[in-house]
Amino acid sequence: MKIIDLINQPSVDNSLKIGYLGQSGYVLKKNNFTILIDPYLSNFIEDSSGLNDKRMKRNFAPMIRPEEINSIDIVLCTHAHYDHMDPWTLENIKPNYKLYCSKTAYINNQVSLSKNQLKFIEWHKSINIGEFQITPYAAAHYHKADENGNPDCLSFLITIGDIKLFFWGDGILYDQIIDNLSMHHFNMFFAPINGRDWFREKEGIIGNINSRELAEICSKLNIDYVVPNHYDLFDYNSEIPSHFINYLQKLAPNQKVQIMQQSEIIIL
């Protein structure tokens, strides 16, 4: 099955399907309800008509074009950065959908949608949509809140029946996050590994947890499969997955890992 078919075609069974769009982008489909998470389906960042950042040239073309999407219910965006909340993607999806994000993220992004499409969400206030329950957590990229204390970057705990998925929004560790997550059993845990360093921060690139940190997180949480992300799209802000696997072998040797390929679809 192709990603575009996963999005546009009716489901033929009751399974949960997860498709990978690259970077931190995913498709979730259960029955005929479809969610996109952080879809970056354009060249907005590198294009001279967009952000014009030539450091951030895509390593691979978008799997689909926004204009090809014929069926979508909601989009979740973790934060305002354009590889997660892409104006050219969000503004060119034809079907009517709802965008769920923090108000701060929307204000700090160039995207412009109609008011009736916007659903601003807050920490720990669960949303029930179809068979999905979505609970936002704070993501510290590098701060949990904006200057007024309002939610900014988010992670998402998504529960579908007895299945629990966690999508770590861009950011680093902070006090209480491990304790808050330790009460859950995650079927799949999606998180970045590209890390941060002085050189990238000097260039204005705000970083994430790194491979070692995610491996240590795995050692402290109950996770069936960990899925690293945020390493494949831009050479300038990347990581080598085998480094993460090496850390897992040392810090969480019993942890199972899934390295998803672009366009890969997992069925649960």
C-alpha atoms as a PDB file:
ATOM      1  CA  MET A   1       0.000   0.000   0.000  1.00  0.00           C
ATOM      2  CA  LYS A   2       1.231   3.498  -0.856  1.00  0.00           C
ATOM      3  CA  ILE A   3       0.996   6.420   1.552  1.00  0.00           C
ATOM      4  CA  ILE A   4      -1.443   8.243  -0.719  1.00  0.00           C
ATOM      5  CA  ASP A   5      -3.707   5.179  -0.729  1.00  0.00           C
ATOM      6  CA  LEU A   6      -3.491   4.952   3.045  1.00  0.00           C
ATOM      7  CA  ILE A   7      -4.729   8.527   3.268  1.00  0.00           C
ATOM      8  CA  ASN A   8      -7.332   8.576   0.522  1.00  0.00           C
ATOM      9  CA  GLN A   9      -8.710   5.041   0.309  1.00  0.00           C
ATOM     10  CA  PRO A  10     -11.312   3.595   2.716  1.00  0.00           C
ATOM     11  CA  SER A  11     -10.007   1.128   5.287  1.00  0.00           C
ATOM     12  CA  VAL A  12     -10.703  -2.531   4.545  1.00  0.00           C
ATOM     13  CA  ASP A  13     -10.337  -3.687   8.170  1.00  0.00           C
ATOM     14  CA  ASN A  14     -10.353  -2.422  11.755  1.00  0.00           C
ATOM     15  CA  SER A  15      -6.578  -2.221  12.192  1.00  0.00           C
ATOM     16  CA  LEU A  16      -4.619   0.883  13.126  1.00  0.00           C
ATOM     17  CA  LYS A  17      -2.184   1.877  10.383  1.00  0.00           C
ATOM     18  CA  ILE A  18       0.805   4.191  10.850  1.00  0.00           C
ATOM     19  CA  GLY A  19       2.576   5.616   7.799  1.00  0.00           C
ATOM     20  CA  TYR A  20       5.905   7.463   7.870  1.00  0.00           C
ATOM     21  CA  LEU A  21       6.289  10.734   5.952  1.00  0.00           C
ATOM     22  CA  GLY A  22       9.917  11.372   6.912  1.00  0.00           C
ATOM     23  CA  GLN A  23      11.419  13.745   9.531  1.00  0.00           C
ATOM     24  CA  SER A  24       8.705  13.726  12.241  1.00  0.00           C
ATOM     25  CA  GLY A  25       5.703  13.284   9.962  1.00  0.00           C
ATOM     26  CA  TYR A  26       3.186  10.467  10.269  1.00  0.00           C
ATOM     27  CA  VAL A  27      -0.218   9.322   9.065  1.00  0.00           C
ATOM     28  CA  LEU A  28      -2.537   7.537  11.491  1.00  0.00           C
ATOM     29  CA  LYS A  29      -5.602   5.750  10.121  1.00  0.00           C
ATOM     30  CA  LYS A  30      -8.241   3.754  11.950  1.00  0.00           C
ATOM     31  CA  ASN A  31     -11.328   2.746  10.003  1.00  0.00           C
ATOM     32  CA  ASN A  32     -11.995   5.873   7.926  1.00  0.00           C
ATOM     33  CA  PHE A  33     -10.589   8.457  10.348  1.00  0.00           C
ATOM     34  CA  THR A  34      -7.264   9.927   9.274  1.00  0.00           C
ATOM     35  CA  ILE A  35      -4.769  12.048  11.214  1.00  0.00           C
ATOM     36  CA  LEU A  36      -1.616  13.722   9.935  1.00  0.00           C
ATOM     37  CA  ILE A  37       1.121  14.588  12.423  1.00  0.00           C
ATOM     38  CA  ASP A  38       3.709  17.276  11.543  1.00  0.00           C
ATOM     39  CA  PRO A  39       3.405  16.838   7.765  1.00  0.00           C
ATOM     40  CA  TYR A  40       6.161  18.610   5.805  1.00  0.00           C
ATOM     41  CA  LEU A  41       5.118  17.942   2.216  1.00  0.00           C
ATOM     42  CA  SER A  42       6.759  20.825   0.337  1.00  0.00           C
ATOM     43  CA  ASN A  43      10.083  22.617  -0.144  1.00  0.00           C
ATOM     44  CA  PHE A  44       9.025  25.675   1.857  1.00  0.00           C
ATOM     45  CA  ILE A  45      12.167  25.826   3.977  1.00  0.00           C
ATOM     46  CA  GLU A  46      14.710  25.780   1.138  1.00  0.00           C
ATOM     47  CA  ASP A  47      12.620  27.483  -1.569  1.00  0.00           C
ATOM     48  CA  SER A  48      13.437  31.130  -2.338  1.00  0.00           C
ATOM     49  CA  SER A  49       9.711  31.926  -2.190  1.00  0.00           C
ATOM     50  CA  GLY A  50       9.483  30.371   1.266  1.00  0.00           C
ATOM     51  CA  LEU A  51      12.028  30.500   4.069  1.00  0.00           C
ATOM     52  CA  ASN A  52      14.994  30.410   1.636  1.00  0.00           C
ATOM     53  CA  ASP A  53      17.231  28.457   4.023  1.00  0.00           C
ATOM     54  CA  LYS A  54      19.709  26.722   1.712  1.00  0.00           C
ATOM     55  CA  ARG A  55      21.272  24.744   4.579  1.00  0.00           C
ATOM     56  CA  MET A  56      18.049  22.764   4.875  1.00  0.00           C
ATOM     57  CA  LYS A  57      17.810  21.061   1.499  1.00  0.00           C
ATOM     58  CA  ARG A  58      15.629  17.982   1.462  1.00  0.00           C
ATOM     59  CA  ASN A  59      17.350  14.601   1.091  1.00  0.00           C
ATOM     60  CA  PHE A  60      14.235  13.160  -0.554  1.00  0.00           C
ATOM     61  CA  ALA A  61      11.149  14.519  -2.248  1.00  0.00           C
ATOM     62  CA  PRO A  62       7.817  14.619  -0.403  1.00  0.00           C
ATOM     63  CA  MET A  63       6.029  11.278  -0.644  1.00  0.00           C
ATOM     64  CA  ILE A  64       2.815  13.034  -1.607  1.00  0.00           C
ATOM     65  CA  ARG A  65       1.737  16.524  -2.550  1.00  0.00           C
ATOM     66  CA  PRO A  66      -0.817  18.303  -0.342  1.00  0.00           C
ATOM     67  CA  GLU A  67      -3.053  18.748  -3.379  1.00  0.00           C
ATOM     68  CA  GLU A  68      -3.285  14.958  -3.740  1.00  0.00           C
ATOM     69  CA  ILE A  69      -4.927  14.538  -0.345  1.00  0.00           C
ATOM     70  CA  ASN A  70      -8.640  13.881  -0.794  1.00  0.00           C
ATOM     71  CA  SER A  71      -9.586  12.618   2.642  1.00  0.00           C
ATOM     72  CA  ILE A  72      -8.309  13.927   5.965  1.00  0.00           C
ATOM     73  CA  ASP A  73      -9.919  14.655   9.314  1.00  0.00           C
ATOM     74  CA  ILE A  74      -7.361  16.403  11.500  1.00  0.00           C
ATOM     75  CA  VAL A  75      -3.753  17.577  11.513  1.00  0.00           C
ATOM     76  CA  LEU A  76      -1.678  17.698  14.692  1.00  0.00           C
ATOM     77  CA  CYS A  77       1.307  20.037  14.760  1.00  0.00           C
ATOM     78  CA  THR A  78       3.728  19.872  17.655  1.00  0.00           C
ATOM     79  CA  HIS A  79       5.172  23.371  17.223  1.00  0.00           C
ATOM     80  CA  ALA A  80       5.760  26.314  14.909  1.00  0.00           C
ATOM     81  CA  HIS A  81       8.957  25.254  13.107  1.00  0.00           C
ATOM     82  CA  TYR A  82       8.316  24.901   9.406  1.00  0.00           C
ATOM     83  CA  ASP A  83       9.391  21.266   9.093  1.00  0.00           C
ATOM     84  CA  HIS A  84       6.527  20.517  11.496  1.00  0.00           C
ATOM     85  CA  MET A  85       3.949  23.206  10.690  1.00  0.00           C
ATOM     86  CA  ASP A  86       4.406  23.858   6.988  1.00  0.00           C
ATOM     87  CA  PRO A  87       2.259  26.644   5.480  1.00  0.00           C
ATOM     88  CA  TRP A  88       2.496  25.244   1.946  1.00  0.00           C
ATOM     89  CA  THR A  89       1.279  21.881   3.176  1.00  0.00           C
ATOM     90  CA  LEU A  90      -1.489  23.081   5.472  1.00  0.00           C
ATOM     91  CA  GLU A  91      -2.842  25.729   3.100  1.00  0.00           C
ATOM     92  CA  ASN A  92      -2.957  23.402   0.078  1.00  0.00           C
ATOM     93  CA  ILE A  93      -4.834  20.436   1.547  1.00  0.00           C
ATOM     94  CA  LYS A  94      -8.190  20.650  -0.207  1.00  0.00           C
ATOM     95  CA  PRO A  95     -10.575  18.775   2.113  1.00  0.00           C
ATOM     96  CA  ASN A  96     -11.862  20.646   5.138  1.00  0.00           C
ATOM     97  CA  TYR A  97      -9.950  19.545   8.228  1.00  0.00           C
ATOM     98  CA  LYS A  98      -9.162  20.787  11.741  1.00  0.00           C
ATOM     99  CA  LEU A  99      -5.685  21.869  12.803  1.00  0.00           C
ATOM    100  CA  TYR A 100      -4.846  21.074  16.437  1.00  0.00           C
ATOM    101  CA  CYS A 101      -1.873  22.949  17.886  1.00  0.00           C
ATOM    102  CA  SER A 102      -1.032  25.455  20.589  1.00  0.00           C
ATOM    103  CA  LYS A 103      -2.152  29.030  20.023  1.00  0.00           C
ATOM    104  CA  THR A 104       1.436  30.209  20.466  1.00  0.00           C
ATOM    105  CA  ALA A 105       2.656  27.874  17.716  1.00  0.00           C
ATOM    106  CA  TYR A 106       0.035  29.130  15.273  1.00  0.00           C
ATOM    107  CA  ILE A 107       0.799  32.776  16.020  1.00  0.00           C
ATOM    108  CA  ASN A 108       4.529  32.184  15.471  1.00  0.00           C
ATOM    109  CA  ASN A 109       4.034  30.545  12.066  1.00  0.00           C
ATOM    110  CA  GLN A 110       3.199  32.044   8.669  1.00  0.00           C
ATOM    111  CA  VAL A 111       0.325  29.647   8.005  1.00  0.00           C
ATOM    112  CA  SER A 112      -3.096  31.227   7.557  1.00  0.00           C
ATOM    113  CA  LEU A 113      -6.235  29.101   7.913  1.00  0.00           C
ATOM    114  CA  SER A 114      -9.860  29.972   8.506  1.00  0.00           C
ATOM    115  CA  LYS A 115     -10.902  30.334  12.137  1.00  0.00           C
ATOM    116  CA  ASN A 116     -13.274  27.394  11.937  1.00  0.00           C
ATOM    117  CA  GLN A 117     -10.337  25.117  11.098  1.00  0.00           C
ATOM    118  CA  LEU A 118      -8.374  25.995  14.231  1.00  0.00           C
ATOM    119  CA  LYS A 119      -8.466  24.084  17.501  1.00  0.00           C
ATOM    120  CA  PHE A 120      -6.024  25.418  20.083  1.00  0.00           C
ATOM    121  CA  ILE A 121      -5.094  22.874  22.723  1.00  0.00           C
ATOM    122  CA  GLU A 122      -3.545  22.932  26.194  1.00  0.00           C
ATOM    123  CA  TRP A 123      -1.398  20.610  28.270  1.00  0.00           C
ATOM    124  CA  HIS A 124      -3.033  17.468  29.659  1.00  0.00           C
ATOM    125  CA  LYS A 125      -6.511  18.360  28.390  1.00  0.00           C
ATOM    126  CA  SER A 126      -7.538  15.255  26.447  1.00  0.00           C
ATOM    127  CA  ILE A 127      -9.460  15.462  23.188  1.00  0.00           C
ATOM    128  CA  ASN A 128     -11.681  12.611  22.011  1.00  0.00           C
ATOM    129  CA  ILE A 129     -12.101  12.424  18.243  1.00  0.00           C
ATOM    130  CA  GLY A 130     -13.490   9.316  16.633  1.00  0.00           C
ATOM    131  CA  GLU A 131     -11.716   6.360  18.250  1.00  0.00           C
ATOM    132  CA  PHE A 132      -8.698   8.500  19.166  1.00  0.00           C
ATOM    133  CA  GLN A 133      -7.983  10.132  22.505  1.00  0.00           C
ATOM    134  CA  ILE A 134      -5.250  12.764  22.199  1.00  0.00           C
ATOM    135  CA  THR A 135      -3.533  14.158  25.288  1.00  0.00           C
ATOM    136  CA  PRO A 136      -1.005  16.984  24.805  1.00  0.00           C
ATOM    137  CA  TYR A 137       2.129  17.144  26.935  1.00  0.00           C
ATOM    138  CA  ALA A 138       4.584  20.014  27.184  1.00  0.00           C
ATOM    139  CA  ALA A 139       7.662  19.702  24.973  1.00  0.00           C
ATOM    140  CA  ALA A 140      10.661  21.807  26.013  1.00  0.00           C
ATOM    141  CA  HIS A 141      12.173  23.268  22.839  1.00  0.00           C
ATOM    142  CA  TYR A 142      14.055  24.699  24.921  1.00  0.00           C
ATOM    143  CA  HIS A 143      11.284  26.186  27.051  1.00  0.00           C
ATOM    144  CA  LYS A 144       8.027  24.476  27.972  1.00  0.00           C
ATOM    145  CA  ALA A 145       5.955  27.664  27.702  1.00  0.00           C
ATOM    146  CA  ASP A 146       6.027  30.993  25.929  1.00  0.00           C
ATOM    147  CA  GLU A 147       6.977  34.206  27.728  1.00  0.00           C
ATOM    148  CA  ASN A 148       3.437  34.467  29.144  1.00  0.00           C
ATOM    149  CA  GLY A 149       3.364  30.915  30.473  1.00  0.00           C
ATOM    150  CA  ASN A 150       1.105  29.598  27.691  1.00  0.00           C
ATOM    151  CA  PRO A 151       1.578  26.204  25.969  1.00  0.00           C
ATOM    152  CA  ASP A 152       3.997  26.342  23.051  1.00  0.00           C
ATOM    153  CA  CYS A 153       5.640  23.121  21.826  1.00  0.00           C
ATOM    154  CA  LEU A 154       3.714  19.902  22.418  1.00  0.00           C
ATOM    155  CA  SER A 155       4.085  16.147  22.518  1.00  0.00           C
ATOM    156  CA  PHE A 156       1.087  13.868  22.001  1.00  0.00           C
ATOM    157  CA  LEU A 157      -0.067  10.778  23.850  1.00  0.00           C
ATOM    158  CA  ILE A 158      -2.546   9.079  21.520  1.00  0.00           C
ATOM    159  CA  THR A 159      -4.738   6.258  22.798  1.00  0.00           C
ATOM    160  CA  ILE A 160      -6.792   4.040  20.474  1.00  0.00           C
ATOM    161  CA  GLY A 161      -8.578   1.350  22.439  1.00  0.00           C
ATOM    162  CA  ASP A 162      -5.830  -0.503  24.317  1.00  0.00           C
ATOM    163  CA  ILE A 163      -3.064   0.885  22.064  1.00  0.00           C
ATOM    164  CA  LYS A 164      -0.915   3.766  23.319  1.00  0.00           C
ATOM    165  CA  LEU A 165       1.378   5.800  21.081  1.00  0.00           C
ATOM    166  CA  PHE A 166       3.606   8.675  22.137  1.00  0.00           C
ATOM    167  CA  PHE A 167       4.917  11.315  19.730  1.00  0.00           C
ATOM    168  CA  TRP A 168       7.682  13.328  21.377  1.00  0.00           C
ATOM    169  CA  GLY A 169       7.541  16.853  19.966  1.00  0.00           C
ATOM    170  CA  ASP A 170      10.853  18.567  19.352  1.00  0.00           C
ATOM    171  CA  GLY A 171      12.611  19.312  22.607  1.00  0.00           C
ATOM    172  CA  ILE A 172      14.821  18.215  25.441  1.00  0.00           C
ATOM    173  CA  LEU A 173      14.299  16.508  28.779  1.00  0.00           C
ATOM    174  CA  TYR A 174      12.889  18.455  31.702  1.00  0.00           C
ATOM    175  CA  ASP A 175      11.958  17.764  35.330  1.00  0.00           C
ATOM    176  CA  GLN A 176       8.896  15.536  35.790  1.00  0.00           C
ATOM    177  CA  ILE A 177       8.560  14.354  32.182  1.00  0.00           C
ATOM    178  CA  ILE A 178       9.958  10.865  32.880  1.00  0.00           C
ATOM    179  CA  ASP A 179       7.827  10.544  36.016  1.00  0.00           C
ATOM    180  CA  ASN A 180       4.740  11.646  34.087  1.00  0.00           C
ATOM    181  CA  LEU A 181       5.351   9.101  31.327  1.00  0.00           C
ATOM    182  CA  SER A 182       6.374   6.224  33.588  1.00  0.00           C
ATOM    183  CA  MET A 183       2.734   5.485  34.490  1.00  0.00           C
ATOM    184  CA  HIS A 184       2.023   4.381  30.898  1.00  0.00           C
ATOM    185  CA  HIS A 185       2.785   1.313  28.797  1.00  0.00           C
ATOM    186  CA  PHE A 186       3.549   2.467  25.261  1.00  0.00           C
ATOM    187  CA  ASN A 187       3.047   0.191  22.284  1.00  0.00           C
ATOM    188  CA  MET A 188       5.147   2.577  20.194  1.00  0.00           C
ATOM    189  CA  PHE A 189       7.220   5.585  21.213  1.00  0.00           C
ATOM    190  CA  PHE A 190       8.279   8.030  18.477  1.00  0.00           C
ATOM    191  CA  ALA A 191      11.052  10.481  19.351  1.00  0.00           C
ATOM    192  CA  PRO A 192      13.883  12.540  17.807  1.00  0.00           C
ATOM    193  CA  ILE A 193      17.559  11.635  17.976  1.00  0.00           C
ATOM    194  CA  ASN A 194      19.231  14.522  16.120  1.00  0.00           C
ATOM    195  CA  GLY A 195      20.388  16.132  19.344  1.00  0.00           C
ATOM    196  CA  ARG A 196      21.942  19.560  19.741  1.00  0.00           C
ATOM    197  CA  ASP A 197      25.402  21.103  19.895  1.00  0.00           C
ATOM    198  CA  TRP A 198      27.206  24.412  20.117  1.00  0.00           C
ATOM    199  CA  PHE A 199      27.770  24.684  16.358  1.00  0.00           C
ATOM    200  CA  ARG A 200      24.129  24.233  15.394  1.00  0.00           C
ATOM    201  CA  GLU A 201      22.890  26.412  18.236  1.00  0.00           C
ATOM    202  CA  LYS A 202      25.257  29.158  17.069  1.00  0.00           C
ATOM    203  CA  GLU A 203      23.445  28.905  13.704  1.00  0.00           C
ATOM    204  CA  GLY A 204      20.089  29.321  15.418  1.00  0.00           C
ATOM    205  CA  ILE A 205      19.079  25.639  15.245  1.00  0.00           C
ATOM    206  CA  ILE A 206      17.208  24.664  18.382  1.00  0.00           C
ATOM    207  CA  GLY A 207      17.965  21.049  19.166  1.00  0.00           C
ATOM    208  CA  ASN A 208      16.391  17.935  20.620  1.00  0.00           C
ATOM    209  CA  ILE A 209      17.199  14.943  22.771  1.00  0.00           C
ATOM    210  CA  ASN A 210      20.072  12.934  21.349  1.00  0.00           C
ATOM    211  CA  SER A 211      20.609   9.221  20.750  1.00  0.00           C
ATOM    212  CA  ARG A 212      22.037   8.540  24.195  1.00  0.00           C
ATOM    213  CA  GLU A 213      19.230  10.410  25.932  1.00  0.00           C
ATOM    214  CA  LEU A 214      16.529   8.521  24.065  1.00  0.00           C
ATOM    215  CA  ALA A 215      18.232   5.222  24.883  1.00  0.00           C
ATOM    216  CA  GLU A 216      18.283   6.165  28.553  1.00  0.00           C
ATOM    217  CA  ILE A 217      14.614   7.208  28.364  1.00  0.00           C
ATOM    218  CA  CYS A 218      13.889   3.717  27.030  1.00  0.00           C
ATOM    219  CA  SER A 219      15.648   2.202  30.032  1.00  0.00           C
ATOM    220  CA  LYS A 220      13.256   4.025  32.371  1.00  0.00           C
ATOM    221  CA  LEU A 221       9.927   3.633  30.540  1.00  0.00           C
ATOM    222  CA  ASN A 222       7.749   0.700  29.511  1.00  0.00           C
ATOM    223  CA  ILE A 223       7.971   0.793  25.704  1.00  0.00           C
ATOM    224  CA  ASP A 224       7.307  -2.090  23.326  1.00  0.00           C
ATOM    225  CA  TYR A 225       8.914  -0.455  20.273  1.00  0.00           C
ATOM    226  CA  VAL A 226      10.864   2.778  20.111  1.00  0.00           C
ATOM    227  CA  VAL A 227      10.898   4.558  16.744  1.00  0.00           C
ATOM    228  CA  PRO A 228      13.620   7.203  16.287  1.00  0.00           C
ATOM    229  CA  ASN A 229      12.949  10.129  13.967  1.00  0.00           C
ATOM    230  CA  HIS A 230      14.105  13.628  13.001  1.00  0.00           C
ATOM    231  CA  TYR A 231      17.370  12.431  11.449  1.00  0.00           C
ATOM    232  CA  ASP A 232      16.708  11.683   7.765  1.00  0.00           C
ATOM    233  CA  LEU A 233      15.499  14.827   5.991  1.00  0.00           C
ATOM    234  CA  PHE A 234      18.285  17.411   6.356  1.00  0.00           C
ATOM    235  CA  ASP A 235      21.993  16.519   6.358  1.00  0.00           C
ATOM    236  CA  TYR A 236      22.725  19.723   8.290  1.00  0.00           C
ATOM    237  CA  ASN A 237      20.548  18.599  11.214  1.00  0.00           C
ATOM    238  CA  SER A 238      20.767  14.813  11.229  1.00  0.00           C
ATOM    239  CA  GLU A 239      21.972  11.743  13.104  1.00  0.00           C
ATOM    240  CA  ILE A 240      23.024   8.204  12.212  1.00  0.00           C
ATOM    241  CA  PRO A 241      20.464   5.649  13.514  1.00  0.00           C
ATOM    242  CA  SER A 242      23.161   3.046  14.188  1.00  0.00           C
ATOM    243  CA  HIS A 243      24.558   5.383  16.864  1.00  0.00           C
ATOM    244  CA  PHE A 244      21.191   5.190  18.610  1.00  0.00           C
ATOM    245  CA  ILE A 245      21.139   1.401  18.326  1.00  0.00           C
ATOM    246  CA  ASN A 246      24.622   1.238  19.863  1.00  0.00           C
ATOM    247  CA  TYR A 247      23.444   3.258  22.847  1.00  0.00           C
ATOM    248  CA  LEU A 248      20.379   1.038  23.172  1.00  0.00           C
ATOM    249  CA  GLN A 249      22.569  -2.047  23.335  1.00  0.00           C
ATOM    250  CA  LYS A 250      24.492  -0.503  26.226  1.00  0.00           C
ATOM    251  CA  LEU A 251      21.716   1.273  28.152  1.00  0.00           C
ATOM    252  CA  ALA A 252      18.517  -0.653  27.309  1.00  0.00           C
ATOM    253  CA  PRO A 253      19.621  -3.953  25.734  1.00  0.00           C
ATOM    254  CA  ASN A 254      16.141  -5.506  25.844  1.00  0.00           C
ATOM    255  CA  GLN A 255      14.467  -2.575  24.111  1.00  0.00           C
ATOM    256  CA  LYS A 256      12.968  -3.348  20.701  1.00  0.00           C
ATOM    257  CA  VAL A 257      13.461  -0.719  18.006  1.00  0.00           C
ATOM    258  CA  GLN A 258      11.808  -0.012  14.665  1.00  0.00           C
ATOM    259  CA  ILE A 259      13.735   2.037  12.097  1.00  0.00           C
ATOM    260  CA  MET A 260      11.018   3.202   9.746  1.00  0.00           C
ATOM    261  CA  GLN A 261      11.784   3.908   6.104  1.00  0.00           C
ATOM    262  CA  GLN A 262      10.124   6.703   4.166  1.00  0.00           C
ATOM    263  CA  SER A 263       6.629   5.625   3.049  1.00  0.00           C
ATOM    264  CA  GLU A 264       6.711   2.559   5.316  1.00  0.00           C
ATOM    265  CA  ILE A 265       3.387   1.570   6.856  1.00  0.00           C
ATOM    266  CA  ILE A 266       3.020  -0.328  10.137  1.00  0.00           C
ATOM    267  CA  ILE A 267      -0.196  -2.211  10.929  1.00  0.00           C
ATOM    268  CA  LEU A 268      -1.209  -2.756  14.565  1.00  0.00           C
END
